[in-house]
């Protein structure tokens, strides 16, 4: 077998369509995306609160 030789996929059928694959990927991203956003909230919100408090205290002259 040569490197770069084409693989013959004739006669092969899949039990799902492209729409099924895209729908499943979209559903997976919906589920996983909420957990990713929740994790980002736990890591970024304390930094944002510190930044806001620091800018307010600097504006007051402390």
C-alpha atoms as a PDB file:
ATOM      1  CA  UNK A   1       0.000   0.000   0.000  1.00  0.00           C
ATOM      2  CA  UNK A   2       1.351   3.380  -1.012  1.00  0.00           C
ATOM      3  CA  UNK A   3       1.331   6.449   1.134  1.00  0.00           C
ATOM      4  CA  UNK A   4      -1.373   8.850   0.032  1.00  0.00           C
ATOM      5  CA  UNK A   5      -3.319   6.200  -1.859  1.00  0.00           C
ATOM      6  CA  UNK A   6      -7.048   6.852  -1.968  1.00  0.00           C
ATOM      7  CA  UNK A   7      -9.325   4.640   0.110  1.00  0.00           C
ATOM      8  CA  UNK A   8     -12.331   3.257  -1.767  1.00  0.00           C
ATOM      9  CA  UNK A   9     -15.540   3.924   0.175  1.00  0.00           C
ATOM     10  CA  UNK A  10     -17.964   2.637  -2.461  1.00  0.00           C
ATOM     11  CA  UNK A  11     -20.668   0.387  -1.072  1.00  0.00           C
ATOM     12  CA  UNK A  12     -20.324   1.659   2.501  1.00  0.00           C
ATOM     13  CA  UNK A  13     -23.446   3.088   4.117  1.00  0.00           C
ATOM     14  CA  UNK A  14     -23.702   4.819   7.457  1.00  0.00           C
ATOM     15  CA  UNK A  15     -26.592   4.420   9.936  1.00  0.00           C
ATOM     16  CA  UNK A  16     -26.910   8.228  10.282  1.00  0.00           C
ATOM     17  CA  UNK A  17     -27.167  11.238   8.026  1.00  0.00           C
ATOM     18  CA  UNK A  18     -25.316  14.527   8.070  1.00  0.00           C
ATOM     19  CA  UNK A  19     -28.333  16.174   9.731  1.00  0.00           C
ATOM     20  CA  UNK A  20     -28.214  13.585  12.529  1.00  0.00           C
ATOM     21  CA  UNK A  21     -24.510  14.238  13.064  1.00  0.00           C
ATOM     22  CA  UNK A  22     -24.903  18.023  13.126  1.00  0.00           C
ATOM     23  CA  UNK A  23     -27.897  17.784  15.467  1.00  0.00           C
ATOM     24  CA  UNK A  24     -26.012  15.541  17.873  1.00  0.00           C
ATOM     25  CA  UNK A  25     -22.995  17.835  17.837  1.00  0.00           C
ATOM     26  CA  UNK A  26     -25.191  20.839  18.493  1.00  0.00           C
ATOM     27  CA  UNK A  27     -26.896  19.107  21.428  1.00  0.00           C
ATOM     28  CA  UNK A  28     -23.520  18.091  22.864  1.00  0.00           C
ATOM     29  CA  UNK A  29     -22.198  21.645  22.580  1.00  0.00           C
ATOM     30  CA  UNK A  30     -25.328  22.927  24.308  1.00  0.00           C
ATOM     31  CA  UNK A  31     -24.804  20.610  27.272  1.00  0.00           C
ATOM     32  CA  UNK A  32     -21.037  21.025  27.535  1.00  0.00           C
ATOM     33  CA  UNK A  33     -21.164  24.767  26.819  1.00  0.00           C
ATOM     34  CA  UNK A  34     -23.212  25.476  29.928  1.00  0.00           C
ATOM     35  CA  UNK A  35     -20.626  23.761  32.123  1.00  0.00           C
ATOM     36  CA  UNK A  36     -17.798  25.608  30.397  1.00  0.00           C
ATOM     37  CA  UNK A  37     -19.533  28.934  31.016  1.00  0.00           C
ATOM     38  CA  UNK A  38     -20.118  28.001  34.642  1.00  0.00           C
ATOM     39  CA  UNK A  39     -16.442  27.144  35.086  1.00  0.00           C
ATOM     40  CA  UNK A  40     -15.401  30.416  33.458  1.00  0.00           C
ATOM     41  CA  UNK A  41     -17.735  32.297  35.775  1.00  0.00           C
ATOM     42  CA  UNK A  42     -16.096  30.768  38.846  1.00  0.00           C
ATOM     43  CA  UNK A  43     -12.629  31.712  37.609  1.00  0.00           C
ATOM     44  CA  UNK A  44     -13.294  35.151  36.137  1.00  0.00           C
ATOM     45  CA  UNK A  45     -15.870  36.720  38.464  1.00  0.00           C
ATOM     46  CA  UNK A  46     -13.517  37.035  41.485  1.00  0.00           C
ATOM     47  CA  UNK A  47     -10.943  38.726  39.236  1.00  0.00           C
ATOM     48  CA  UNK A  48     -13.566  41.123  37.893  1.00  0.00           C
ATOM     49  CA  UNK A  49     -14.768  41.946  41.408  1.00  0.00           C
ATOM     50  CA  UNK A  50     -11.180  42.680  42.481  1.00  0.00           C
ATOM     51  CA  UNK A  51     -10.678  44.883  39.424  1.00  0.00           C
ATOM     52  CA  UNK A  52     -13.878  46.846  40.064  1.00  0.00           C
ATOM     53  CA  UNK A  53     -13.113  47.292  43.774  1.00  0.00           C
ATOM     54  CA  UNK A  54      -9.593  48.444  42.955  1.00  0.00           C
ATOM     55  CA  UNK A  55     -10.763  50.986  40.416  1.00  0.00           C
ATOM     56  CA  UNK A  56     -13.407  52.356  42.803  1.00  0.00           C
ATOM     57  CA  UNK A  57     -10.906  52.683  45.664  1.00  0.00           C
ATOM     58  CA  UNK A  58      -8.383  54.349  43.324  1.00  0.00           C
ATOM     59  CA  UNK A  59     -11.030  56.807  42.190  1.00  0.00           C
ATOM     60  CA  UNK A  60     -11.824  57.683  45.799  1.00  0.00           C
ATOM     61  CA  UNK A  61      -8.146  58.340  46.487  1.00  0.00           C
ATOM     62  CA  UNK A  62      -7.404  55.546  48.936  1.00  0.00           C
END
